[in-house]
Amino acid sequence: QPLLHRVDADLGYEQFFQQWQPVLGQVLDGDVSAGQD
């Protein structure tokens, strides 16, 4: 089961990673709905 939707990032991935990392943290802390959208 995926925790979040897969990310497909290009060479300039930093902006995606800055959005993804805190949401992943929320999901890992128990908020399973944090990354649904």
Full PDB file with SEQRES, HELIX, SHEET, SSBOND, CRYST1, ORIGX, SCALE, CONECT and MASTER records, all heavy atoms in Angstrom:
SEQRES   1 A   37  GLN PRO LEU LEU HIS ARG VAL ASP ALA ASP LEU GLY TYR          
SEQRES   2 A   37  GLU GLN PHE PHE GLN GLN TRP GLN PRO VAL LEU GLY GLN          
SEQRES   3 A   37  VAL LEU ASP GLY ASP VAL SER ALA GLY GLN ASP                  
HELIX    1 AA1 GLU A   14  LEU A   28  1                                  15    
CRYST1    1.000    1.000    1.000  90.00  90.00  90.00 P 1           1          
ORIGX1      1.000000  0.000000  0.000000        0.00000                         
ORIGX2      0.000000  1.000000  0.000000        0.00000                         
ORIGX3      0.000000  0.000000  1.000000        0.00000                         
SCALE1      1.000000  0.000000  0.000000        0.00000                         
SCALE2      0.000000  1.000000  0.000000        0.00000                         
SCALE3      0.000000  0.000000  1.000000        0.00000                         
ATOM      1  N   GLN A   1       0.827  -1.202   0.000  1.00  0.00           N  
ATOM      2  CA  GLN A   1       0.000   0.000   0.000  1.00  0.00           C  
ATOM      3  C   GLN A   1       0.867   1.260   0.000  1.00  0.00           C  
ATOM      4  O   GLN A   1       1.695   1.440   0.882  1.00  0.00           O  
ATOM      5  CB  GLN A   1      -0.899   0.014   1.242  1.00  0.00           C  
ATOM      6  CG  GLN A   1      -1.900  -1.123   1.286  1.00  0.00           C  
ATOM      7  CD  GLN A   1      -2.868  -1.071   0.123  1.00  0.00           C  
ATOM      8  OE1 GLN A   1      -3.443  -0.028  -0.165  1.00  0.00           O  
ATOM      9  NE2 GLN A   1      -3.040  -2.190  -0.559  1.00  0.00           N  
ATOM     10  N   PRO A   2       0.655   2.158  -0.968  1.00  0.00           N  
ATOM     11  CA  PRO A   2       1.442   3.395  -0.993  1.00  0.00           C  
ATOM     12  C   PRO A   2       0.987   4.352   0.112  1.00  0.00           C  
ATOM     13  O   PRO A   2      -0.203   4.502   0.372  1.00  0.00           O  
ATOM     14  CB  PRO A   2       1.146   3.976  -2.372  1.00  0.00           C  
ATOM     15  CG  PRO A   2      -0.176   3.405  -2.756  1.00  0.00           C  
ATOM     16  CD  PRO A   2      -0.263   2.058  -2.102  1.00  0.00           C  
ATOM     17  N   LEU A   3       1.957   4.987   0.756  1.00  0.00           N  
ATOM     18  CA  LEU A   3       1.657   6.022   1.745  1.00  0.00           C  
ATOM     19  C   LEU A   3       1.219   7.305   1.053  1.00  0.00           C  
ATOM     20  O   LEU A   3       0.374   8.040   1.554  1.00  0.00           O  
ATOM     21  CB  LEU A   3       2.892   6.314   2.604  1.00  0.00           C  
ATOM     22  CG  LEU A   3       3.382   5.190   3.499  1.00  0.00           C  
ATOM     23  CD1 LEU A   3       4.775   5.501   4.040  1.00  0.00           C  
ATOM     24  CD2 LEU A   3       2.399   4.958   4.635  1.00  0.00           C  
ATOM     25  N   LEU A   4       1.825   7.575  -0.096  1.00  0.00           N  
ATOM     26  CA  LEU A   4       1.562   8.766  -0.909  1.00  0.00           C  
ATOM     27  C   LEU A   4       1.571   8.359  -2.376  1.00  0.00           C  
ATOM     28  O   LEU A   4       2.096   7.307  -2.719  1.00  0.00           O  
ATOM     29  CB  LEU A   4       2.662   9.813  -0.700  1.00  0.00           C  
ATOM     30  CG  LEU A   4       2.869  10.357   0.699  1.00  0.00           C  
ATOM     31  CD1 LEU A   4       4.185  11.132   0.774  1.00  0.00           C  
ATOM     32  CD2 LEU A   4       1.726  11.260   1.093  1.00  0.00           C  
ATOM     33  N   HIS A   5       1.037   9.215  -3.211  1.00  0.00           N  
ATOM     34  CA  HIS A   5       1.132   8.981  -4.653  1.00  0.00           C  
ATOM     35  C   HIS A   5       2.597   9.089  -5.071  1.00  0.00           C  
ATOM     36  O   HIS A   5       3.347   9.905  -4.545  1.00  0.00           O  
ATOM     37  CB  HIS A   5       0.304   9.999  -5.435  1.00  0.00           C  
ATOM     38  CG  HIS A   5      -1.159   9.951  -5.119  1.00  0.00           C  
ATOM     39  ND1 HIS A   5      -1.981   8.952  -5.587  1.00  0.00           N  
ATOM     40  CD2 HIS A   5      -1.929  10.761  -4.370  1.00  0.00           C  
ATOM     41  CE1 HIS A   5      -3.210   9.154  -5.143  1.00  0.00           C  
ATOM     42  NE2 HIS A   5      -3.203  10.249  -4.406  1.00  0.00           N  
ATOM     43  N   ARG A   6       2.996   8.261  -6.028  1.00  0.00           N  
ATOM     44  CA  ARG A   6       4.368   8.297  -6.538  1.00  0.00           C  
ATOM     45  C   ARG A   6       4.686   9.680  -7.105  1.00  0.00           C  
ATOM     46  O   ARG A   6       3.854  10.308  -7.753  1.00  0.00           O  
ATOM     47  CB  ARG A   6       4.546   7.255  -7.642  1.00  0.00           C  
ATOM     48  CG  ARG A   6       5.979   7.162  -8.187  1.00  0.00           C  
ATOM     49  CD  ARG A   6       6.079   6.327  -9.460  1.00  0.00           C  
ATOM     50  NE  ARG A   6       5.496   7.030 -10.598  1.00  0.00           N  
ATOM     51  CZ  ARG A   6       4.378   6.638 -11.232  1.00  0.00           C  
ATOM     52  NH1 ARG A   6       3.747   5.538 -10.894  1.00  0.00           N  
ATOM     53  NH2 ARG A   6       3.895   7.340 -12.249  1.00  0.00           N  
ATOM     54  N   VAL A   7       5.899  10.148  -6.860  1.00  0.00           N  
ATOM     55  CA  VAL A   7       6.368  11.416  -7.415  1.00  0.00           C  
ATOM     56  C   VAL A   7       7.242  11.121  -8.623  1.00  0.00           C  
ATOM     57  O   VAL A   7       8.115  10.252  -8.568  1.00  0.00           O  
ATOM     58  CB  VAL A   7       7.188  12.203  -6.364  1.00  0.00           C  
ATOM     59  CG1 VAL A   7       7.749  13.486  -6.966  1.00  0.00           C  
ATOM     60  CG2 VAL A   7       6.348  12.507  -5.136  1.00  0.00           C  
ATOM     61  N   ASP A   8       7.002  11.817  -9.720  1.00  0.00           N  
ATOM     62  CA  ASP A   8       7.856  11.764 -10.905  1.00  0.00           C  
ATOM     63  C   ASP A   8       8.457  13.151 -11.060  1.00  0.00           C  
ATOM     64  O   ASP A   8       7.788  14.067 -11.537  1.00  0.00           O  
ATOM     65  CB  ASP A   8       7.063  11.401 -12.162  1.00  0.00           C  
ATOM     66  CG  ASP A   8       6.523   9.982 -12.129  1.00  0.00           C  
ATOM     67  OD1 ASP A   8       7.051   9.160 -11.371  1.00  0.00           O  
ATOM     68  OD2 ASP A   8       5.562   9.702 -12.876  1.00  0.00           O  
ATOM     69  N   ALA A   9       9.707  13.319 -10.623  1.00  0.00           N  
ATOM     70  CA  ALA A   9      10.355  14.628 -10.635  1.00  0.00           C  
ATOM     71  C   ALA A   9      11.449  14.684 -11.700  1.00  0.00           C  
ATOM     72  O   ALA A   9      12.109  13.694 -11.973  1.00  0.00           O  
ATOM     73  CB  ALA A   9      10.951  14.922  -9.255  1.00  0.00           C  
ATOM     74  N   ASP A  10      11.628  15.860 -12.232  1.00  0.00           N  
ATOM     75  CA  ASP A  10      12.664  16.111 -13.232  1.00  0.00           C  
ATOM     76  C   ASP A  10      13.907  16.663 -12.534  1.00  0.00           C  
ATOM     77  O   ASP A  10      13.975  16.703 -11.312  1.00  0.00           O  
ATOM     78  CB  ASP A  10      12.131  17.104 -14.263  1.00  0.00           C  
ATOM     79  CG  ASP A  10      12.878  17.086 -15.584  1.00  0.00           C  
ATOM     80  OD1 ASP A  10      13.890  16.387 -15.701  1.00  0.00           O  
ATOM     81  OD2 ASP A  10      12.440  17.797 -16.514  1.00  0.00           O  
ATOM     82  N   LEU A  11      14.854  17.118 -13.318  1.00  0.00           N  
ATOM     83  CA  LEU A  11      16.124  17.593 -12.785  1.00  0.00           C  
ATOM     84  C   LEU A  11      15.954  18.650 -11.697  1.00  0.00           C  
ATOM     85  O   LEU A  11      16.690  18.653 -10.725  1.00  0.00           O  
ATOM     86  CB  LEU A  11      17.000  18.133 -13.916  1.00  0.00           C  
ATOM     87  CG  LEU A  11      17.353  17.125 -15.001  1.00  0.00           C  
ATOM     88  CD1 LEU A  11      18.085  17.801 -16.141  1.00  0.00           C  
ATOM     89  CD2 LEU A  11      18.183  15.998 -14.417  1.00  0.00           C  
ATOM     90  N   GLY A  12      15.002  19.532 -11.813  1.00  0.00           N  
ATOM     91  CA  GLY A  12      14.746  20.545 -10.790  1.00  0.00           C  
ATOM     92  C   GLY A  12      13.765  20.028  -9.754  1.00  0.00           C  
ATOM     93  O   GLY A  12      12.678  20.556  -9.575  1.00  0.00           O  
ATOM     94  N   TYR A  13      14.152  18.995  -9.034  1.00  0.00           N  
ATOM     95  CA  TYR A  13      13.251  18.285  -8.120  1.00  0.00           C  
ATOM     96  C   TYR A  13      13.086  18.958  -6.759  1.00  0.00           C  
ATOM     97  O   TYR A  13      12.219  18.579  -5.978  1.00  0.00           O  
ATOM     98  CB  TYR A  13      13.768  16.862  -7.884  1.00  0.00           C  
ATOM     99  CG  TYR A  13      15.099  16.823  -7.157  1.00  0.00           C  
ATOM    100  CD1 TYR A  13      15.149  16.790  -5.777  1.00  0.00           C  
ATOM    101  CD2 TYR A  13      16.288  16.842  -7.858  1.00  0.00           C  
ATOM    102  CE1 TYR A  13      16.360  16.778  -5.114  1.00  0.00           C  
ATOM    103  CE2 TYR A  13      17.500  16.825  -7.207  1.00  0.00           C  
ATOM    104  CZ  TYR A  13      17.538  16.799  -5.840  1.00  0.00           C  
ATOM    105  OH  TYR A  13      18.732  16.793  -5.182  1.00  0.00           O  
ATOM    106  N   GLU A  14      13.903  19.953  -6.442  1.00  0.00           N  
ATOM    107  CA  GLU A  14      13.934  20.512  -5.095  1.00  0.00           C  
ATOM    108  C   GLU A  14      12.565  20.997  -4.616  1.00  0.00           C  
ATOM    109  O   GLU A  14      12.181  20.759  -3.477  1.00  0.00           O  
ATOM    110  CB  GLU A  14      14.955  21.658  -5.006  1.00  0.00           C  
ATOM    111  CG  GLU A  14      16.384  21.230  -5.197  1.00  0.00           C  
ATOM    112  CD  GLU A  14      16.829  21.197  -6.660  1.00  0.00           C  
ATOM    113  OE1 GLU A  14      16.004  21.462  -7.566  1.00  0.00           O  
ATOM    114  OE2 GLU A  14      18.005  20.872  -6.896  1.00  0.00           O  
ATOM    115  N   GLN A  15      11.828  21.685  -5.492  1.00  0.00           N  
ATOM    116  CA  GLN A  15      10.515  22.208  -5.097  1.00  0.00           C  
ATOM    117  C   GLN A  15       9.557  21.057  -4.775  1.00  0.00           C  
ATOM    118  O   GLN A  15       8.822  21.127  -3.797  1.00  0.00           O  
ATOM    119  CB  GLN A  15       9.936  23.095  -6.201  1.00  0.00           C  
ATOM    120  CG  GLN A  15       8.631  23.742  -5.814  1.00  0.00           C  
ATOM    121  CD  GLN A  15       8.070  24.632  -6.906  1.00  0.00           C  
ATOM    122  OE1 GLN A  15       8.530  24.617  -8.040  1.00  0.00           O  
ATOM    123  NE2 GLN A  15       7.061  25.410  -6.567  1.00  0.00           N  
ATOM    124  N   PHE A  16       9.557  20.002  -5.581  1.00  0.00           N  
ATOM    125  CA  PHE A  16       8.721  18.836  -5.289  1.00  0.00           C  
ATOM    126  C   PHE A  16       9.110  18.225  -3.950  1.00  0.00           C  
ATOM    127  O   PHE A  16       8.258  17.877  -3.141  1.00  0.00           O  
ATOM    128  CB  PHE A  16       8.866  17.776  -6.380  1.00  0.00           C  
ATOM    129  CG  PHE A  16       7.973  17.973  -7.584  1.00  0.00           C  
ATOM    130  CD1 PHE A  16       7.195  19.099  -7.749  1.00  0.00           C  
ATOM    131  CD2 PHE A  16       7.925  17.004  -8.566  1.00  0.00           C  
ATOM    132  CE1 PHE A  16       6.381  19.259  -8.855  1.00  0.00           C  
ATOM    133  CE2 PHE A  16       7.110  17.144  -9.680  1.00  0.00           C  
ATOM    134  CZ  PHE A  16       6.345  18.278  -9.824  1.00  0.00           C  
ATOM    135  N   PHE A  17      10.417  18.083  -3.712  1.00  0.00           N  
ATOM    136  CA  PHE A  17      10.876  17.447  -2.472  1.00  0.00           C  
ATOM    137  C   PHE A  17      10.474  18.278  -1.259  1.00  0.00           C  
ATOM    138  O   PHE A  17      10.067  17.727  -0.233  1.00  0.00           O  
ATOM    139  CB  PHE A  17      12.389  17.213  -2.495  1.00  0.00           C  
ATOM    140  CG  PHE A  17      12.851  16.347  -1.362  1.00  0.00           C  
ATOM    141  CD1 PHE A  17      12.625  14.972  -1.393  1.00  0.00           C  
ATOM    142  CD2 PHE A  17      13.473  16.889  -0.249  1.00  0.00           C  
ATOM    143  CE1 PHE A  17      13.018  14.159  -0.342  1.00  0.00           C  
ATOM    144  CE2 PHE A  17      13.880  16.086   0.798  1.00  0.00           C  
ATOM    145  CZ  PHE A  17      13.655  14.721   0.755  1.00  0.00           C  
ATOM    146  N   GLN A  18      10.548  19.608  -1.367  1.00  0.00           N  
ATOM    147  CA  GLN A  18      10.150  20.483  -0.261  1.00  0.00           C  
ATOM    148  C   GLN A  18       8.662  20.371   0.042  1.00  0.00           C  
ATOM    149  O   GLN A  18       8.241  20.574   1.184  1.00  0.00           O  
ATOM    150  CB  GLN A  18      10.542  21.928  -0.556  1.00  0.00           C  
ATOM    151  CG  GLN A  18      12.033  22.159  -0.509  1.00  0.00           C  
ATOM    152  CD  GLN A  18      12.439  23.537  -1.004  1.00  0.00           C  
ATOM    153  OE1 GLN A  18      11.612  24.339  -1.434  1.00  0.00           O  
ATOM    154  NE2 GLN A  18      13.727  23.817  -0.972  1.00  0.00           N  
ATOM    155  N   GLN A  19       7.849  20.046  -0.946  1.00  0.00           N  
ATOM    156  CA  GLN A  19       6.412  19.837  -0.723  1.00  0.00           C  
ATOM    157  C   GLN A  19       6.146  18.439  -0.170  1.00  0.00           C  
ATOM    158  O   GLN A  19       5.288  18.254   0.693  1.00  0.00           O  
ATOM    159  CB  GLN A  19       5.640  20.003  -2.033  1.00  0.00           C  
ATOM    160  CG  GLN A  19       5.646  21.399  -2.591  1.00  0.00           C  
ATOM    161  CD  GLN A  19       4.960  21.432  -3.945  1.00  0.00           C  
ATOM    162  OE1 GLN A  19       3.836  20.970  -4.106  1.00  0.00           O  
ATOM    163  NE2 GLN A  19       5.642  21.988  -4.929  1.00  0.00           N  
ATOM    164  N   TRP A  20       6.876  17.458  -0.667  1.00  0.00           N  
ATOM    165  CA  TRP A  20       6.641  16.048  -0.358  1.00  0.00           C  
ATOM    166  C   TRP A  20       7.122  15.663   1.031  1.00  0.00           C  
ATOM    167  O   TRP A  20       6.429  14.958   1.767  1.00  0.00           O  
ATOM    168  CB  TRP A  20       7.344  15.214  -1.426  1.00  0.00           C  
ATOM    169  CG  TRP A  20       7.224  13.735  -1.330  1.00  0.00           C  
ATOM    170  CD1 TRP A  20       6.156  12.975  -1.732  1.00  0.00           C  
ATOM    171  CD2 TRP A  20       8.204  12.801  -0.857  1.00  0.00           C  
ATOM    172  NE1 TRP A  20       6.430  11.642  -1.536  1.00  0.00           N  
ATOM    173  CE2 TRP A  20       7.673  11.520  -0.994  1.00  0.00           C  
ATOM    174  CE3 TRP A  20       9.484  12.952  -0.334  1.00  0.00           C  
ATOM    175  CZ2 TRP A  20       8.369  10.370  -0.630  1.00  0.00           C  
ATOM    176  CZ3 TRP A  20      10.184  11.822   0.034  1.00  0.00           C  
ATOM    177  CH2 TRP A  20       9.625  10.546  -0.107  1.00  0.00           C  
ATOM    178  N   GLN A  21       8.305  16.114   1.424  1.00  0.00           N  
ATOM    179  CA  GLN A  21       8.927  15.676   2.679  1.00  0.00           C  
ATOM    180  C   GLN A  21       8.064  15.950   3.920  1.00  0.00           C  
ATOM    181  O   GLN A  21       7.847  15.033   4.714  1.00  0.00           O  
ATOM    182  CB  GLN A  21      10.307  16.316   2.824  1.00  0.00           C  
ATOM    183  CG  GLN A  21      11.064  15.811   4.029  1.00  0.00           C  
ATOM    184  CD  GLN A  21      12.427  16.466   4.155  1.00  0.00           C  
ATOM    185  OE1 GLN A  21      12.654  17.567   3.658  1.00  0.00           O  
ATOM    186  NE2 GLN A  21      13.327  15.784   4.825  1.00  0.00           N  
ATOM    187  N   PRO A  22       7.530  17.164   4.120  1.00  0.00           N  
ATOM    188  CA  PRO A  22       6.715  17.368   5.325  1.00  0.00           C  
ATOM    189  C   PRO A  22       5.421  16.556   5.314  1.00  0.00           C  
ATOM    190  O   PRO A  22       4.960  16.102   6.359  1.00  0.00           O  
ATOM    191  CB  PRO A  22       6.438  18.870   5.345  1.00  0.00           C  
ATOM    192  CG  PRO A  22       6.795  19.383   4.003  1.00  0.00           C  
ATOM    193  CD  PRO A  22       7.726  18.405   3.370  1.00  0.00           C  
ATOM    194  N   VAL A  23       4.849  16.351   4.129  1.00  0.00           N  
ATOM    195  CA  VAL A  23       3.622  15.547   4.047  1.00  0.00           C  
ATOM    196  C   VAL A  23       3.931  14.095   4.388  1.00  0.00           C  
ATOM    197  O   VAL A  23       3.179  13.440   5.117  1.00  0.00           O  
ATOM    198  CB  VAL A  23       2.962  15.679   2.654  1.00  0.00           C  
ATOM    199  CG1 VAL A  23       1.762  14.758   2.533  1.00  0.00           C  
ATOM    200  CG2 VAL A  23       2.560  17.126   2.397  1.00  0.00           C  
ATOM    201  N   LEU A  24       5.054  13.583   3.891  1.00  0.00           N  
ATOM    202  CA  LEU A  24       5.471  12.235   4.258  1.00  0.00           C  
ATOM    203  C   LEU A  24       5.641  12.138   5.773  1.00  0.00           C  
ATOM    204  O   LEU A  24       5.211  11.161   6.391  1.00  0.00           O  
ATOM    205  CB  LEU A  24       6.769  11.841   3.553  1.00  0.00           C  
ATOM    206  CG  LEU A  24       7.341  10.468   3.920  1.00  0.00           C  
ATOM    207  CD1 LEU A  24       6.365   9.349   3.554  1.00  0.00           C  
ATOM    208  CD2 LEU A  24       8.694  10.256   3.262  1.00  0.00           C  
ATOM    209  N   GLY A  25       6.234  13.160   6.379  1.00  0.00           N  
ATOM    210  CA  GLY A  25       6.385  13.183   7.834  1.00  0.00           C  
ATOM    211  C   GLY A  25       5.049  13.110   8.549  1.00  0.00           C  
ATOM    212  O   GLY A  25       4.903  12.373   9.530  1.00  0.00           O  
ATOM    213  N   GLN A  26       4.054  13.844   8.062  1.00  0.00           N  
ATOM    214  CA  GLN A  26       2.711  13.809   8.659  1.00  0.00           C  
ATOM    215  C   GLN A  26       2.116  12.409   8.564  1.00  0.00           C  
ATOM    216  O   GLN A  26       1.519  11.911   9.521  1.00  0.00           O  
ATOM    217  CB  GLN A  26       1.780  14.810   7.957  1.00  0.00           C  
ATOM    218  CG  GLN A  26       2.086  16.246   8.222  1.00  0.00           C  
ATOM    219  CD  GLN A  26       1.180  17.148   7.398  1.00  0.00           C  
ATOM    220  OE1 GLN A  26       1.224  17.125   6.158  1.00  0.00           O  
ATOM    221  NE2 GLN A  26       0.346  17.916   8.073  1.00  0.00           N  
ATOM    222  N   VAL A  27       2.266  11.791   7.410  1.00  0.00           N  
ATOM    223  CA  VAL A  27       1.726  10.443   7.208  1.00  0.00           C  
ATOM    224  C   VAL A  27       2.420   9.454   8.141  1.00  0.00           C  
ATOM    225  O   VAL A  27       1.777   8.625   8.780  1.00  0.00           O  
ATOM    226  CB  VAL A  27       1.848  10.009   5.728  1.00  0.00           C  
ATOM    227  CG1 VAL A  27       1.468   8.550   5.550  1.00  0.00           C  
ATOM    228  CG2 VAL A  27       0.980  10.900   4.835  1.00  0.00           C  
ATOM    229  N   LEU A  28       3.745   9.558   8.237  1.00  0.00           N  
ATOM    230  CA  LEU A  28       4.485   8.655   9.118  1.00  0.00           C  
ATOM    231  C   LEU A  28       4.145   8.886  10.592  1.00  0.00           C  
ATOM    232  O   LEU A  28       4.244   7.968  11.405  1.00  0.00           O  
ATOM    233  CB  LEU A  28       5.996   8.812   8.888  1.00  0.00           C  
ATOM    234  CG  LEU A  28       6.505   8.318   7.540  1.00  0.00           C  
ATOM    235  CD1 LEU A  28       7.976   8.675   7.373  1.00  0.00           C  
ATOM    236  CD2 LEU A  28       6.275   6.827   7.361  1.00  0.00           C  
ATOM    237  N   ASP A  29       3.709  10.117  10.924  1.00  0.00           N  
ATOM    238  CA  ASP A  29       3.295  10.424  12.299  1.00  0.00           C  
ATOM    239  C   ASP A  29       1.855  10.012  12.581  1.00  0.00           C  
ATOM    240  O   ASP A  29       1.340  10.268  13.669  1.00  0.00           O  
ATOM    241  CB  ASP A  29       3.476  11.918  12.590  1.00  0.00           C  
ATOM    242  CG  ASP A  29       4.929  12.308  12.791  1.00  0.00           C  
ATOM    243  OD1 ASP A  29       5.759  11.421  13.081  1.00  0.00           O  
ATOM    244  OD2 ASP A  29       5.239  13.519  12.641  1.00  0.00           O  
ATOM    245  N   GLY A  30       1.188   9.401  11.600  1.00  0.00           N  
ATOM    246  CA  GLY A  30      -0.142   8.856  11.831  1.00  0.00           C  
ATOM    247  C   GLY A  30      -1.287   9.525  11.104  1.00  0.00           C  
ATOM    248  O   GLY A  30      -2.411   9.036  11.141  1.00  0.00           O  
ATOM    249  N   ASP A  31      -1.055  10.646  10.442  1.00  0.00           N  
ATOM    250  CA  ASP A  31      -2.112  11.327   9.694  1.00  0.00           C  
ATOM    251  C   ASP A  31      -2.171  10.727   8.289  1.00  0.00           C  
ATOM    252  O   ASP A  31      -1.633  11.280   7.332  1.00  0.00           O  
ATOM    253  CB  ASP A  31      -1.851  12.825   9.645  1.00  0.00           C  
ATOM    254  CG  ASP A  31      -2.973  13.606   8.969  1.00  0.00           C  
ATOM    255  OD1 ASP A  31      -3.964  12.986   8.513  1.00  0.00           O  
ATOM    256  OD2 ASP A  31      -2.849  14.851   8.892  1.00  0.00           O  
ATOM    257  N   VAL A  32      -2.835   9.574   8.152  1.00  0.00           N  
ATOM    258  CA  VAL A  32      -2.837   8.834   6.886  1.00  0.00           C  
ATOM    259  C   VAL A  32      -3.529   9.583   5.752  1.00  0.00           C  
ATOM    260  O   VAL A  32      -3.282   9.304   4.581  1.00  0.00           O  
ATOM    261  CB  VAL A  32      -3.466   7.426   7.049  1.00  0.00           C  
ATOM    262  CG1 VAL A  32      -2.595   6.563   7.933  1.00  0.00           C  
ATOM    263  CG2 VAL A  32      -4.879   7.515   7.584  1.00  0.00           C  
ATOM    264  N   SER A  33      -4.378  10.559   6.066  1.00  0.00           N  
ATOM    265  CA  SER A  33      -5.076  11.286   5.011  1.00  0.00           C  
ATOM    266  C   SER A  33      -4.304  12.518   4.533  1.00  0.00           C  
ATOM    267  O   SER A  33      -4.715  13.156   3.575  1.00  0.00           O  
ATOM    268  CB  SER A  33      -6.468  11.708   5.497  1.00  0.00           C  
ATOM    269  OG  SER A  33      -6.352  12.627   6.573  1.00  0.00           O  
ATOM    270  N   ALA A  34      -3.177  12.840   5.162  1.00  0.00           N  
ATOM    271  CA  ALA A  34      -2.436  14.066   4.834  1.00  0.00           C  
ATOM    272  C   ALA A  34      -2.011  14.129   3.371  1.00  0.00           C  
ATOM    273  O   ALA A  34      -2.004  15.195   2.776  1.00  0.00           O  
ATOM    274  CB  ALA A  34      -1.212  14.195   5.733  1.00  0.00           C  
ATOM    275  N   GLY A  35      -1.655  13.020   2.781  1.00  0.00           N  
ATOM    276  CA  GLY A  35      -1.127  13.046   1.425  1.00  0.00           C  
ATOM    277  C   GLY A  35      -2.083  12.626   0.341  1.00  0.00           C  
ATOM    278  O   GLY A  35      -1.682  12.471  -0.818  1.00  0.00           O  
ATOM    279  N   GLN A  36      -3.352  12.461   0.667  1.00  0.00           N  
ATOM    280  CA  GLN A  36      -4.301  11.961  -0.340  1.00  0.00           C  
ATOM    281  C   GLN A  36      -4.405  12.848  -1.568  1.00  0.00           C  
ATOM    282  O   GLN A  36      -4.583  12.358  -2.677  1.00  0.00           O  
ATOM    283  CB  GLN A  36      -5.691  11.792   0.277  1.00  0.00           C  
ATOM    284  CG  GLN A  36      -5.786  10.615   1.206  1.00  0.00           C  
ATOM    285  CD  GLN A  36      -7.173  10.470   1.805  1.00  0.00           C  
ATOM    286  OE1 GLN A  36      -7.959  11.420   1.807  1.00  0.00           O  
ATOM    287  NE2 GLN A  36      -7.478   9.299   2.318  1.00  0.00           N  
ATOM    288  N   ASP A  37      -4.281  14.149  -1.398  1.00  0.00           N  
ATOM    289  CA  ASP A  37      -4.447  15.070  -2.525  1.00  0.00           C  
ATOM    290  C   ASP A  37      -3.125  15.540  -3.119  1.00  0.00           C  
ATOM    291  O   ASP A  37      -3.112  16.316  -4.066  1.00  0.00           O  
ATOM    292  CB  ASP A  37      -5.265  16.290  -2.091  1.00  0.00           C  
ATOM    293  CG  ASP A  37      -6.685  15.910  -1.707  1.00  0.00           C  
ATOM    294  OD1 ASP A  37      -7.226  14.940  -2.276  1.00  0.00           O  
ATOM    295  OD2 ASP A  37      -7.261  16.584  -0.826  1.00  0.00           O  
TER     296      ASP A  37                                                      
MASTER        0    0    0    1    0    0    0    6  295    1    0    3          
END                                                                             
